[in-house]
């Protein structure tokens, strides 16, 4: 059953990427939207911040693939890394297309009114992101300990990602970007549910 669920998650994510990728160039002239979003718009802010958020998920996924031989965890990590790396490239591509900067002088999440949110520590730039110390710890663990820690960190990471994507669904104006964000909400929530089952099998639960 869970293999089918994992397959559905990967398939759904791939469908979102294909659909969004087919209209990547058209996004700048999306009907009913401004031709180019402003640099301080939700569209640009989401693209910049989610690209950074996704990059850490990719990093965590590759770390755990080297720290365990469990095929289920390795498959999940691979799916997350591939999906989020592709989505990150799409988000950065839109910023290039819009001729907007990939960095901002404003704090992360300012487009959601959360620019003054306190950080959990170095590396944790946005909700759900792990700190540098947590990433270092993951890289030192192995086997079941690495699996459990990864699943806990990634659950938190996905929760933060879902919150951010929901913000874009509500505030972004570019139709295809809103569609991508909605796909992220659905796929990452499914992965949160999957990871809860995987943690339970290992006698643990998300924090």
N, C-alpha and C. Protein backbone atom coordinates (compact mmCIF):
# COMPACT_ATOMS: atom_id res chain seq x y z
N UNK A 1 0.83 -1.20 0.00
CA UNK A 1 0.00 0.00 0.00
C UNK A 1 0.87 1.25 0.00
N UNK A 2 1.92 1.25 0.88
CA UNK A 2 2.73 2.46 0.96
C UNK A 2 3.56 2.65 -0.29
N UNK A 3 3.98 1.55 -0.96
CA UNK A 3 4.71 1.69 -2.21
C UNK A 3 3.83 2.36 -3.25
N UNK A 4 2.54 2.00 -3.26
CA UNK A 4 1.61 2.63 -4.18
C UNK A 4 1.46 4.10 -3.85
N UNK A 5 1.42 4.41 -2.55
CA UNK A 5 1.30 5.81 -2.13
C UNK A 5 2.52 6.60 -2.55
N UNK A 6 3.70 6.02 -2.34
CA UNK A 6 4.93 6.70 -2.74
C UNK A 6 4.97 6.90 -4.24
N UNK A 7 4.50 5.89 -4.98
CA UNK A 7 4.46 6.01 -6.43
C UNK A 7 3.52 7.10 -6.87
N UNK A 8 2.38 7.21 -6.18
CA UNK A 8 1.42 8.27 -6.51
C UNK A 8 2.02 9.64 -6.25
N UNK A 9 2.74 9.77 -5.14
CA UNK A 9 3.37 11.06 -4.81
C UNK A 9 4.37 11.45 -5.90
N UNK A 10 5.21 10.49 -6.28
CA UNK A 10 6.20 10.79 -7.31
C UNK A 10 5.53 11.11 -8.64
N UNK A 11 4.49 10.34 -8.98
CA UNK A 11 3.78 10.59 -10.23
C UNK A 11 3.09 11.92 -10.25
N UNK A 12 2.46 12.28 -9.12
CA UNK A 12 1.77 13.57 -9.05
C UNK A 12 2.76 14.72 -9.16
N UNK A 13 3.91 14.56 -8.48
CA UNK A 13 4.92 15.61 -8.55
C UNK A 13 5.44 15.76 -9.98
N UNK A 14 5.64 14.63 -10.65
CA UNK A 14 6.14 14.69 -12.03
C UNK A 14 5.11 15.35 -12.93
N UNK A 15 3.83 15.06 -12.72
CA UNK A 15 2.78 15.68 -13.53
C UNK A 15 2.76 17.18 -13.36
N UNK A 16 2.95 17.63 -12.12
CA UNK A 16 2.98 19.07 -11.85
C UNK A 16 4.15 19.70 -12.59
N UNK A 17 5.31 19.04 -12.55
CA UNK A 17 6.49 19.60 -13.20
C UNK A 17 6.32 19.67 -14.70
N UNK A 18 5.75 18.61 -15.29
CA UNK A 18 5.55 18.61 -16.73
C UNK A 18 4.59 19.70 -17.14
N UNK A 19 3.47 19.80 -16.42
CA UNK A 19 2.47 20.81 -16.76
C UNK A 19 3.03 22.21 -16.61
N UNK A 20 3.75 22.45 -15.52
CA UNK A 20 4.30 23.78 -15.30
C UNK A 20 5.43 24.07 -16.27
N UNK A 21 6.26 23.07 -16.55
CA UNK A 21 7.37 23.27 -17.45
C UNK A 21 6.92 23.62 -18.85
N UNK A 22 5.79 23.08 -19.28
CA UNK A 22 5.29 23.33 -20.62
C UNK A 22 4.91 24.78 -20.84
N UNK A 23 4.66 25.51 -19.76
CA UNK A 23 4.24 26.90 -19.90
C UNK A 23 5.20 27.85 -19.19
N UNK A 24 6.42 27.40 -18.94
CA UNK A 24 7.38 28.25 -18.23
C UNK A 24 7.60 29.58 -18.95
N UNK A 25 7.76 29.53 -20.26
CA UNK A 25 8.01 30.78 -20.97
C UNK A 25 6.76 31.66 -20.99
N UNK A 26 5.60 31.06 -21.07
CA UNK A 26 4.36 31.82 -21.16
C UNK A 26 3.99 32.50 -19.86
N UNK A 27 4.65 32.13 -18.76
CA UNK A 27 4.26 32.66 -17.46
C UNK A 27 4.37 34.17 -17.40
N UNK A 28 5.30 34.76 -18.15
CA UNK A 28 5.49 36.20 -18.08
C UNK A 28 4.33 36.97 -18.69
N UNK A 29 3.54 36.32 -19.53
CA UNK A 29 2.41 37.01 -20.15
C UNK A 29 1.11 36.30 -19.81
N UNK A 30 1.09 35.66 -18.66
CA UNK A 30 -0.08 34.93 -18.21
C UNK A 30 -1.32 35.82 -18.24
N UNK A 31 -2.38 35.32 -18.85
CA UNK A 31 -3.61 36.11 -19.00
C UNK A 31 -4.15 36.56 -17.66
N UNK A 32 -4.46 37.81 -17.56
CA UNK A 32 -5.04 38.35 -16.34
C UNK A 32 -4.00 38.75 -15.31
N UNK A 33 -2.72 38.55 -15.59
CA UNK A 33 -1.66 38.90 -14.65
C UNK A 33 -0.82 40.03 -15.23
N UNK A 34 -0.12 40.79 -14.39
CA UNK A 34 0.82 41.77 -14.92
C UNK A 34 1.86 41.05 -15.77
N UNK A 35 2.36 41.72 -16.80
CA UNK A 35 3.30 41.06 -17.69
C UNK A 35 4.53 40.59 -16.91
N UNK A 36 5.04 41.42 -16.03
CA UNK A 36 6.18 41.04 -15.19
C UNK A 36 5.86 41.42 -13.75
N UNK A 37 5.92 40.47 -12.81
CA UNK A 37 5.65 40.81 -11.41
C UNK A 37 6.71 41.78 -10.89
N UNK A 38 6.33 42.58 -9.91
CA UNK A 38 7.28 43.50 -9.29
C UNK A 38 8.27 42.74 -8.44
N UNK A 39 9.42 43.34 -8.20
CA UNK A 39 10.47 42.68 -7.41
C UNK A 39 10.02 42.38 -5.99
N UNK A 40 9.09 43.18 -5.46
CA UNK A 40 8.62 42.97 -4.10
C UNK A 40 7.26 42.27 -4.05
N UNK A 41 6.86 41.66 -5.16
CA UNK A 41 5.57 40.97 -5.22
C UNK A 41 5.64 39.61 -4.54
N UNK A 42 4.48 39.05 -4.27
CA UNK A 42 4.42 37.70 -3.72
C UNK A 42 4.99 36.70 -4.71
N UNK A 43 4.75 36.91 -6.01
CA UNK A 43 5.26 36.00 -7.03
C UNK A 43 6.78 35.90 -6.99
N UNK A 44 7.43 37.06 -6.93
CA UNK A 44 8.90 37.08 -6.89
C UNK A 44 9.41 36.59 -5.55
N UNK A 45 8.77 37.02 -4.47
CA UNK A 45 9.21 36.60 -3.14
C UNK A 45 9.10 35.10 -2.95
N UNK A 46 8.00 34.52 -3.40
CA UNK A 46 7.84 33.08 -3.28
C UNK A 46 8.89 32.34 -4.10
N UNK A 47 9.13 32.81 -5.32
CA UNK A 47 10.13 32.16 -6.17
C UNK A 47 11.51 32.19 -5.52
N UNK A 48 11.89 33.34 -4.97
CA UNK A 48 13.20 33.45 -4.33
C UNK A 48 13.30 32.57 -3.09
N UNK A 49 12.30 32.70 -2.21
CA UNK A 49 12.37 32.00 -0.92
C UNK A 49 12.22 30.50 -1.06
N UNK A 50 11.30 30.07 -1.92
CA UNK A 50 11.11 28.62 -2.06
C UNK A 50 12.31 27.97 -2.74
N UNK A 51 13.00 28.70 -3.60
CA UNK A 51 14.22 28.16 -4.20
C UNK A 51 15.25 27.85 -3.12
N UNK A 52 15.39 28.74 -2.15
CA UNK A 52 16.33 28.53 -1.03
C UNK A 52 15.84 27.38 -0.15
N UNK A 53 14.56 27.38 0.15
CA UNK A 53 13.95 26.33 0.99
C UNK A 53 14.16 24.96 0.34
N UNK A 54 13.90 24.89 -0.95
CA UNK A 54 14.06 23.62 -1.68
C UNK A 54 15.51 23.15 -1.68
N UNK A 55 16.45 24.08 -1.80
CA UNK A 55 17.85 23.68 -1.88
C UNK A 55 18.27 22.91 -0.63
N UNK A 56 17.77 23.33 0.53
CA UNK A 56 18.13 22.61 1.74
C UNK A 56 17.51 21.22 1.77
N UNK A 57 16.29 21.08 1.26
CA UNK A 57 15.66 19.76 1.20
C UNK A 57 16.47 18.82 0.32
N UNK A 58 16.98 19.33 -0.79
CA UNK A 58 17.83 18.54 -1.67
C UNK A 58 19.09 18.10 -0.92
N UNK A 59 19.69 19.04 -0.20
CA UNK A 59 20.92 18.74 0.56
C UNK A 59 20.67 17.66 1.60
N UNK A 60 19.59 17.79 2.38
CA UNK A 60 19.28 16.79 3.40
C UNK A 60 19.03 15.42 2.79
N UNK A 61 18.36 15.41 1.64
CA UNK A 61 18.03 14.14 0.99
C UNK A 61 19.29 13.41 0.55
N UNK A 62 20.26 14.13 0.00
CA UNK A 62 21.48 13.49 -0.44
C UNK A 62 22.34 13.05 0.75
N UNK A 63 22.26 13.79 1.85
CA UNK A 63 23.00 13.36 3.05
C UNK A 63 22.50 12.00 3.53
N UNK A 64 21.17 11.86 3.66
CA UNK A 64 20.64 10.62 4.24
C UNK A 64 20.83 9.44 3.29
N UNK A 65 20.86 9.68 2.00
CA UNK A 65 21.08 8.57 1.06
C UNK A 65 22.45 7.95 1.25
N UNK A 66 23.38 8.71 1.79
CA UNK A 66 24.72 8.19 2.06
C UNK A 66 24.85 7.60 3.47
N UNK A 67 23.80 7.77 4.30
CA UNK A 67 23.89 7.37 5.70
C UNK A 67 23.03 6.16 6.04
N UNK A 68 22.29 5.63 5.07
CA UNK A 68 21.45 4.46 5.33
C UNK A 68 21.39 3.57 4.09
N UNK A 69 21.10 2.30 4.34
CA UNK A 69 20.89 1.36 3.24
C UNK A 69 19.41 1.01 3.09
N UNK A 70 18.56 1.61 3.90
CA UNK A 70 17.13 1.33 3.84
C UNK A 70 16.56 1.86 2.51
N UNK A 71 16.04 0.94 1.70
CA UNK A 71 15.60 1.32 0.37
C UNK A 71 14.39 2.25 0.38
N UNK A 72 13.51 2.09 1.36
CA UNK A 72 12.34 2.95 1.43
C UNK A 72 12.74 4.40 1.70
N UNK A 73 13.64 4.60 2.64
CA UNK A 73 14.10 5.95 2.95
C UNK A 73 14.91 6.51 1.79
N UNK A 74 15.76 5.70 1.21
CA UNK A 74 16.57 6.15 0.08
C UNK A 74 15.69 6.54 -1.11
N UNK A 75 14.63 5.77 -1.36
CA UNK A 75 13.72 6.09 -2.46
C UNK A 75 12.98 7.40 -2.21
N UNK A 76 12.51 7.58 -0.97
CA UNK A 76 11.83 8.84 -0.63
C UNK A 76 12.79 10.01 -0.79
N UNK A 77 14.01 9.86 -0.27
CA UNK A 77 14.99 10.94 -0.36
C UNK A 77 15.30 11.28 -1.82
N UNK A 78 15.41 10.27 -2.65
CA UNK A 78 15.69 10.49 -4.07
C UNK A 78 14.53 11.25 -4.73
N UNK A 79 13.30 10.83 -4.44
CA UNK A 79 12.13 11.50 -5.02
C UNK A 79 12.07 12.97 -4.60
N UNK A 80 12.32 13.22 -3.31
CA UNK A 80 12.30 14.60 -2.82
C UNK A 80 13.38 15.42 -3.50
N UNK A 81 14.59 14.87 -3.58
CA UNK A 81 15.70 15.61 -4.18
C UNK A 81 15.42 15.94 -5.64
N UNK A 82 14.93 14.97 -6.39
CA UNK A 82 14.69 15.21 -7.81
C UNK A 82 13.55 16.21 -8.03
N UNK A 83 12.46 16.02 -7.30
CA UNK A 83 11.31 16.91 -7.47
C UNK A 83 11.66 18.34 -7.09
N UNK A 84 12.30 18.50 -5.93
CA UNK A 84 12.55 19.86 -5.46
C UNK A 84 13.68 20.54 -6.23
N UNK A 85 14.63 19.77 -6.73
CA UNK A 85 15.67 20.37 -7.58
C UNK A 85 15.06 20.88 -8.89
N UNK A 86 14.15 20.11 -9.46
CA UNK A 86 13.49 20.54 -10.69
C UNK A 86 12.61 21.77 -10.45
N UNK A 87 11.86 21.76 -9.36
CA UNK A 87 11.02 22.91 -9.05
C UNK A 87 11.87 24.15 -8.77
N UNK A 88 12.99 23.96 -8.10
CA UNK A 88 13.89 25.08 -7.82
C UNK A 88 14.39 25.70 -9.13
N UNK A 89 14.77 24.85 -10.07
CA UNK A 89 15.21 25.37 -11.36
C UNK A 89 14.12 26.15 -12.07
N UNK A 90 12.88 25.70 -11.94
CA UNK A 90 11.76 26.39 -12.54
C UNK A 90 11.57 27.77 -11.91
N UNK A 91 11.61 27.83 -10.59
CA UNK A 91 11.42 29.10 -9.88
C UNK A 91 12.51 30.11 -10.25
N UNK A 92 13.75 29.64 -10.27
CA UNK A 92 14.85 30.53 -10.64
C UNK A 92 14.75 30.94 -12.11
N UNK A 93 14.25 30.03 -12.94
CA UNK A 93 14.07 30.35 -14.35
C UNK A 93 13.04 31.45 -14.55
N UNK A 94 11.99 31.42 -13.75
CA UNK A 94 10.99 32.48 -13.85
C UNK A 94 11.58 33.84 -13.45
N UNK A 95 12.40 33.84 -12.41
CA UNK A 95 13.05 35.10 -12.02
C UNK A 95 13.94 35.63 -13.14
N UNK A 96 14.65 34.72 -13.81
CA UNK A 96 15.45 35.14 -14.96
C UNK A 96 14.56 35.71 -16.06
N UNK A 97 13.46 35.02 -16.32
CA UNK A 97 12.54 35.45 -17.37
C UNK A 97 11.95 36.82 -17.06
N UNK A 98 11.67 37.04 -15.78
CA UNK A 98 11.11 38.33 -15.36
C UNK A 98 12.19 39.40 -15.19
N UNK A 99 13.45 39.00 -15.33
CA UNK A 99 14.60 39.90 -15.14
C UNK A 99 14.56 40.53 -13.74
N UNK A 100 14.30 39.67 -12.76
CA UNK A 100 14.26 40.09 -11.36
C UNK A 100 15.42 39.45 -10.60
N UNK A 101 15.92 40.11 -9.57
CA UNK A 101 17.05 39.56 -8.80
C UNK A 101 16.65 38.30 -8.04
N UNK A 102 17.63 37.41 -7.88
CA UNK A 102 17.40 36.17 -7.15
C UNK A 102 17.59 36.34 -5.65
N UNK A 103 18.06 37.49 -5.23
CA UNK A 103 18.21 37.80 -3.81
C UNK A 103 17.53 39.14 -3.55
N UNK A 104 17.19 39.36 -2.28
CA UNK A 104 16.52 40.59 -1.90
C UNK A 104 17.15 41.15 -0.64
N UNK A 105 17.14 42.46 -0.53
CA UNK A 105 17.66 43.10 0.68
C UNK A 105 16.70 42.91 1.86
N UNK A 106 15.46 42.56 1.56
CA UNK A 106 14.48 42.34 2.62
C UNK A 106 14.66 40.95 3.21
N UNK A 107 14.28 40.76 4.48
CA UNK A 107 14.40 39.42 5.10
C UNK A 107 13.51 38.41 4.38
N UNK A 108 13.87 37.12 4.45
CA UNK A 108 13.02 36.09 3.88
C UNK A 108 11.60 36.16 4.45
N UNK A 109 10.63 35.80 3.62
CA UNK A 109 9.22 35.75 4.00
C UNK A 109 8.58 37.12 4.16
N UNK A 110 9.28 38.19 3.76
CA UNK A 110 8.68 39.52 3.85
C UNK A 110 7.41 39.62 3.02
N UNK A 111 7.36 38.91 1.90
CA UNK A 111 6.18 38.94 1.03
C UNK A 111 4.96 38.32 1.71
N UNK A 112 5.18 37.56 2.79
CA UNK A 112 4.09 36.98 3.57
C UNK A 112 3.86 37.74 4.87
N UNK A 113 4.59 38.87 5.04
CA UNK A 113 4.46 39.62 6.28
C UNK A 113 5.15 38.95 7.45
N UNK A 114 6.13 38.07 7.16
CA UNK A 114 6.83 37.34 8.21
C UNK A 114 8.32 37.66 8.23
N UNK A 115 8.69 38.81 7.67
CA UNK A 115 10.11 39.13 7.57
C UNK A 115 10.82 39.31 8.89
N UNK A 116 10.06 39.53 9.96
CA UNK A 116 10.68 39.73 11.28
C UNK A 116 10.61 38.48 12.16
N UNK A 117 10.22 37.35 11.58
CA UNK A 117 10.12 36.12 12.36
C UNK A 117 11.50 35.71 12.87
N UNK A 118 11.62 35.32 14.14
CA UNK A 118 12.93 34.94 14.68
C UNK A 118 13.46 33.66 14.04
N UNK A 119 14.76 33.60 13.86
CA UNK A 119 15.40 32.42 13.29
C UNK A 119 15.72 31.41 14.39
N UNK A 120 15.63 30.14 14.05
CA UNK A 120 15.98 29.09 15.01
C UNK A 120 17.49 28.95 15.17
N UNK A 121 18.24 29.50 14.25
CA UNK A 121 19.70 29.39 14.31
C UNK A 121 20.29 29.47 12.92
N UNK A 122 21.62 29.43 12.83
CA UNK A 122 22.30 29.53 11.55
C UNK A 122 21.80 28.45 10.59
N UNK A 123 21.48 28.88 9.37
CA UNK A 123 21.00 27.94 8.36
C UNK A 123 19.49 27.87 8.28
N UNK A 124 18.82 28.16 9.38
CA UNK A 124 17.36 28.10 9.42
C UNK A 124 16.80 29.48 9.07
N UNK A 125 16.73 29.76 7.78
CA UNK A 125 16.35 31.08 7.32
C UNK A 125 14.84 31.29 7.27
N UNK A 126 14.10 30.18 7.19
CA UNK A 126 12.65 30.26 7.05
C UNK A 126 12.01 29.12 7.84
N UNK A 127 10.69 29.21 8.09
CA UNK A 127 10.00 28.17 8.85
C UNK A 127 10.26 26.78 8.27
N UNK A 128 10.58 25.85 9.15
CA UNK A 128 10.81 24.47 8.74
C UNK A 128 12.24 24.14 8.39
N UNK A 129 13.06 25.14 8.12
CA UNK A 129 14.42 24.86 7.72
C UNK A 129 15.27 24.40 8.90
N UNK A 130 16.16 23.45 8.64
CA UNK A 130 17.06 22.94 9.67
C UNK A 130 18.19 23.92 9.91
N UNK A 131 18.78 23.85 11.09
CA UNK A 131 19.95 24.67 11.40
C UNK A 131 21.20 23.96 10.89
N UNK A 132 22.31 24.70 10.85
CA UNK A 132 23.57 24.09 10.44
C UNK A 132 23.96 22.96 11.40
N UNK A 133 23.71 23.14 12.68
CA UNK A 133 24.03 22.10 13.65
C UNK A 133 23.22 20.83 13.39
N UNK A 134 21.95 21.01 13.01
CA UNK A 134 21.11 19.84 12.73
C UNK A 134 21.59 19.11 11.49
N UNK A 135 22.01 19.84 10.48
CA UNK A 135 22.54 19.20 9.28
C UNK A 135 23.84 18.46 9.60
N UNK A 136 24.68 19.07 10.43
CA UNK A 136 25.93 18.41 10.82
C UNK A 136 25.63 17.11 11.58
N UNK A 137 24.63 17.15 12.45
CA UNK A 137 24.26 15.95 13.20
C UNK A 137 23.76 14.86 12.26
N UNK A 138 22.92 15.22 11.30
CA UNK A 138 22.41 14.24 10.34
C UNK A 138 23.57 13.56 9.61
N UNK A 139 24.58 14.34 9.26
CA UNK A 139 25.72 13.80 8.52
C UNK A 139 26.58 12.87 9.37
N UNK A 140 26.43 12.95 10.70
CA UNK A 140 27.22 12.08 11.59
C UNK A 140 26.49 10.79 11.94
N UNK A 141 25.18 10.78 11.78
CA UNK A 141 24.39 9.60 12.14
C UNK A 141 24.42 8.57 11.01
N UNK A 142 23.98 7.35 11.34
CA UNK A 142 23.89 6.32 10.33
C UNK A 142 22.77 5.35 10.69
N UNK A 143 22.36 4.56 9.70
CA UNK A 143 21.34 3.54 9.94
C UNK A 143 20.02 4.12 10.41
N UNK A 144 19.39 3.41 11.37
CA UNK A 144 18.07 3.81 11.86
C UNK A 144 18.10 5.21 12.45
N UNK A 145 19.18 5.57 13.16
CA UNK A 145 19.25 6.90 13.76
C UNK A 145 19.19 7.99 12.69
N UNK A 146 19.90 7.77 11.59
CA UNK A 146 19.87 8.75 10.50
C UNK A 146 18.50 8.80 9.86
N UNK A 147 17.87 7.65 9.69
CA UNK A 147 16.54 7.60 9.07
C UNK A 147 15.53 8.39 9.90
N UNK A 148 15.51 8.14 11.20
CA UNK A 148 14.55 8.81 12.08
C UNK A 148 14.80 10.31 12.10
N UNK A 149 16.05 10.69 12.22
CA UNK A 149 16.36 12.12 12.30
C UNK A 149 16.01 12.82 10.99
N UNK A 150 16.32 12.18 9.87
CA UNK A 150 15.96 12.74 8.57
C UNK A 150 14.46 12.91 8.44
N UNK A 151 13.70 11.89 8.81
CA UNK A 151 12.24 11.95 8.68
C UNK A 151 11.66 13.05 9.56
N UNK A 152 12.23 13.25 10.74
CA UNK A 152 11.76 14.34 11.61
C UNK A 152 12.09 15.70 11.00
N UNK A 153 13.34 15.86 10.55
CA UNK A 153 13.75 17.13 9.95
C UNK A 153 12.94 17.43 8.69
N UNK A 154 12.72 16.42 7.85
CA UNK A 154 12.02 16.65 6.60
C UNK A 154 10.53 16.90 6.83
N UNK A 155 9.97 16.31 7.87
CA UNK A 155 8.58 16.60 8.20
C UNK A 155 8.42 18.08 8.55
N UNK A 156 9.32 18.57 9.39
CA UNK A 156 9.28 19.99 9.74
C UNK A 156 9.52 20.87 8.51
N UNK A 157 10.44 20.44 7.67
CA UNK A 157 10.76 21.19 6.46
C UNK A 157 9.54 21.27 5.55
N UNK A 158 8.86 20.16 5.38
CA UNK A 158 7.66 20.14 4.54
C UNK A 158 6.54 20.99 5.13
N UNK A 159 6.40 20.96 6.45
CA UNK A 159 5.36 21.80 7.07
C UNK A 159 5.60 23.27 6.75
N UNK A 160 6.87 23.69 6.86
CA UNK A 160 7.20 25.06 6.51
C UNK A 160 6.96 25.34 5.03
N UNK A 161 7.31 24.37 4.19
CA UNK A 161 7.10 24.53 2.76
C UNK A 161 5.63 24.63 2.39
N UNK A 162 4.80 23.80 3.04
CA UNK A 162 3.35 23.85 2.79
C UNK A 162 2.80 25.22 3.17
N UNK A 163 3.25 25.74 4.32
CA UNK A 163 2.78 27.06 4.77
C UNK A 163 3.14 28.13 3.75
N UNK A 164 4.36 28.07 3.24
CA UNK A 164 4.81 29.06 2.27
C UNK A 164 4.04 28.92 0.96
N UNK A 165 3.85 27.68 0.50
CA UNK A 165 3.13 27.44 -0.75
C UNK A 165 1.68 27.90 -0.64
N UNK A 166 1.07 27.68 0.51
CA UNK A 166 -0.29 28.16 0.72
C UNK A 166 -0.35 29.68 0.62
N UNK A 167 0.72 30.34 1.09
CA UNK A 167 0.79 31.79 0.98
C UNK A 167 0.80 32.24 -0.46
N UNK A 168 1.51 31.50 -1.32
CA UNK A 168 1.54 31.84 -2.75
C UNK A 168 0.19 31.57 -3.39
N UNK A 169 -0.44 30.47 -3.03
CA UNK A 169 -1.77 30.17 -3.58
C UNK A 169 -2.73 31.33 -3.31
N UNK A 170 -2.60 31.93 -2.13
CA UNK A 170 -3.48 33.03 -1.75
C UNK A 170 -3.07 34.37 -2.36
N UNK A 171 -1.75 34.60 -2.50
CA UNK A 171 -1.30 35.95 -2.84
C UNK A 171 -0.65 36.10 -4.21
N UNK A 172 -0.14 35.03 -4.79
CA UNK A 172 0.51 35.16 -6.10
C UNK A 172 -0.51 35.49 -7.18
N UNK A 173 -0.06 36.15 -8.23
CA UNK A 173 -0.96 36.56 -9.31
C UNK A 173 -0.72 35.80 -10.61
N UNK A 174 0.45 35.18 -10.75
CA UNK A 174 0.76 34.43 -11.97
C UNK A 174 0.13 33.04 -11.86
N UNK A 175 -0.75 32.75 -12.78
CA UNK A 175 -1.57 31.54 -12.69
C UNK A 175 -0.74 30.26 -12.57
N UNK A 176 0.27 30.11 -13.41
CA UNK A 176 1.03 28.86 -13.40
C UNK A 176 1.84 28.72 -12.12
N UNK A 177 2.26 29.84 -11.54
CA UNK A 177 2.99 29.76 -10.28
C UNK A 177 2.06 29.34 -9.14
N UNK A 178 0.83 29.85 -9.16
CA UNK A 178 -0.17 29.44 -8.18
C UNK A 178 -0.46 27.94 -8.32
N UNK A 179 -0.52 27.45 -9.56
CA UNK A 179 -0.76 26.03 -9.79
C UNK A 179 0.39 25.18 -9.26
N UNK A 180 1.61 25.64 -9.49
CA UNK A 180 2.77 24.92 -8.97
C UNK A 180 2.73 24.90 -7.45
N UNK A 181 2.41 26.04 -6.84
CA UNK A 181 2.34 26.12 -5.38
C UNK A 181 1.28 25.18 -4.83
N UNK A 182 0.12 25.10 -5.48
CA UNK A 182 -0.93 24.19 -5.02
C UNK A 182 -0.48 22.74 -5.14
N UNK A 183 0.25 22.44 -6.20
CA UNK A 183 0.81 21.09 -6.34
C UNK A 183 1.80 20.76 -5.24
N UNK A 184 2.58 21.75 -4.83
CA UNK A 184 3.51 21.55 -3.71
C UNK A 184 2.75 21.25 -2.43
N UNK A 185 1.68 21.99 -2.17
CA UNK A 185 0.88 21.76 -0.96
C UNK A 185 0.40 20.32 -0.92
N UNK A 186 -0.17 19.86 -2.02
CA UNK A 186 -0.75 18.52 -2.04
C UNK A 186 0.32 17.43 -1.94
N UNK A 187 1.39 17.57 -2.70
CA UNK A 187 2.44 16.55 -2.70
C UNK A 187 3.17 16.49 -1.37
N UNK A 188 3.52 17.66 -0.80
CA UNK A 188 4.27 17.65 0.45
C UNK A 188 3.41 17.19 1.62
N UNK A 189 2.11 17.49 1.60
CA UNK A 189 1.25 16.98 2.66
C UNK A 189 1.14 15.47 2.58
N UNK A 190 1.09 14.91 1.38
CA UNK A 190 1.08 13.46 1.22
C UNK A 190 2.37 12.85 1.74
N UNK A 191 3.49 13.52 1.49
CA UNK A 191 4.77 13.01 1.99
C UNK A 191 4.85 13.14 3.52
N UNK A 192 4.25 14.17 4.09
CA UNK A 192 4.20 14.28 5.55
C UNK A 192 3.45 13.09 6.14
N UNK A 193 2.33 12.73 5.53
CA UNK A 193 1.56 11.58 6.01
C UNK A 193 2.37 10.29 5.87
N UNK A 194 3.06 10.14 4.74
CA UNK A 194 3.90 8.97 4.52
C UNK A 194 5.01 8.90 5.55
N UNK A 195 5.66 10.02 5.83
CA UNK A 195 6.77 10.03 6.79
C UNK A 195 6.29 9.75 8.21
N UNK A 196 5.05 10.13 8.54
CA UNK A 196 4.50 9.80 9.85
C UNK A 196 4.40 8.28 10.01
N UNK A 197 3.98 7.59 8.95
CA UNK A 197 3.91 6.13 8.99
C UNK A 197 5.30 5.52 9.10
N UNK A 198 6.25 6.08 8.38
CA UNK A 198 7.62 5.56 8.41
C UNK A 198 8.25 5.77 9.79
N UNK A 199 7.96 6.89 10.41
CA UNK A 199 8.47 7.13 11.77
C UNK A 199 7.84 6.16 12.76
N UNK A 200 6.54 5.94 12.63
CA UNK A 200 5.85 5.02 13.54
C UNK A 200 6.44 3.62 13.44
N UNK A 201 6.79 3.19 12.25
CA UNK A 201 7.40 1.88 12.07
C UNK A 201 8.74 1.79 12.80
N UNK A 202 9.37 2.91 12.98
CA UNK A 202 10.69 2.96 13.64
C UNK A 202 10.57 3.38 15.11
N UNK A 203 9.34 3.34 15.62
CA UNK A 203 9.11 3.65 17.03
C UNK A 203 9.32 5.09 17.38
N UNK A 204 9.07 6.00 16.43
CA UNK A 204 9.28 7.43 16.66
C UNK A 204 8.09 8.19 16.09
N UNK A 205 8.10 9.48 16.33
CA UNK A 205 7.07 10.36 15.75
C UNK A 205 7.67 11.72 15.51
N UNK A 206 7.01 12.48 14.63
CA UNK A 206 7.49 13.82 14.31
C UNK A 206 7.43 14.70 15.54
N UNK A 207 8.35 15.63 15.62
CA UNK A 207 8.39 16.50 16.79
C UNK A 207 7.38 17.62 16.67
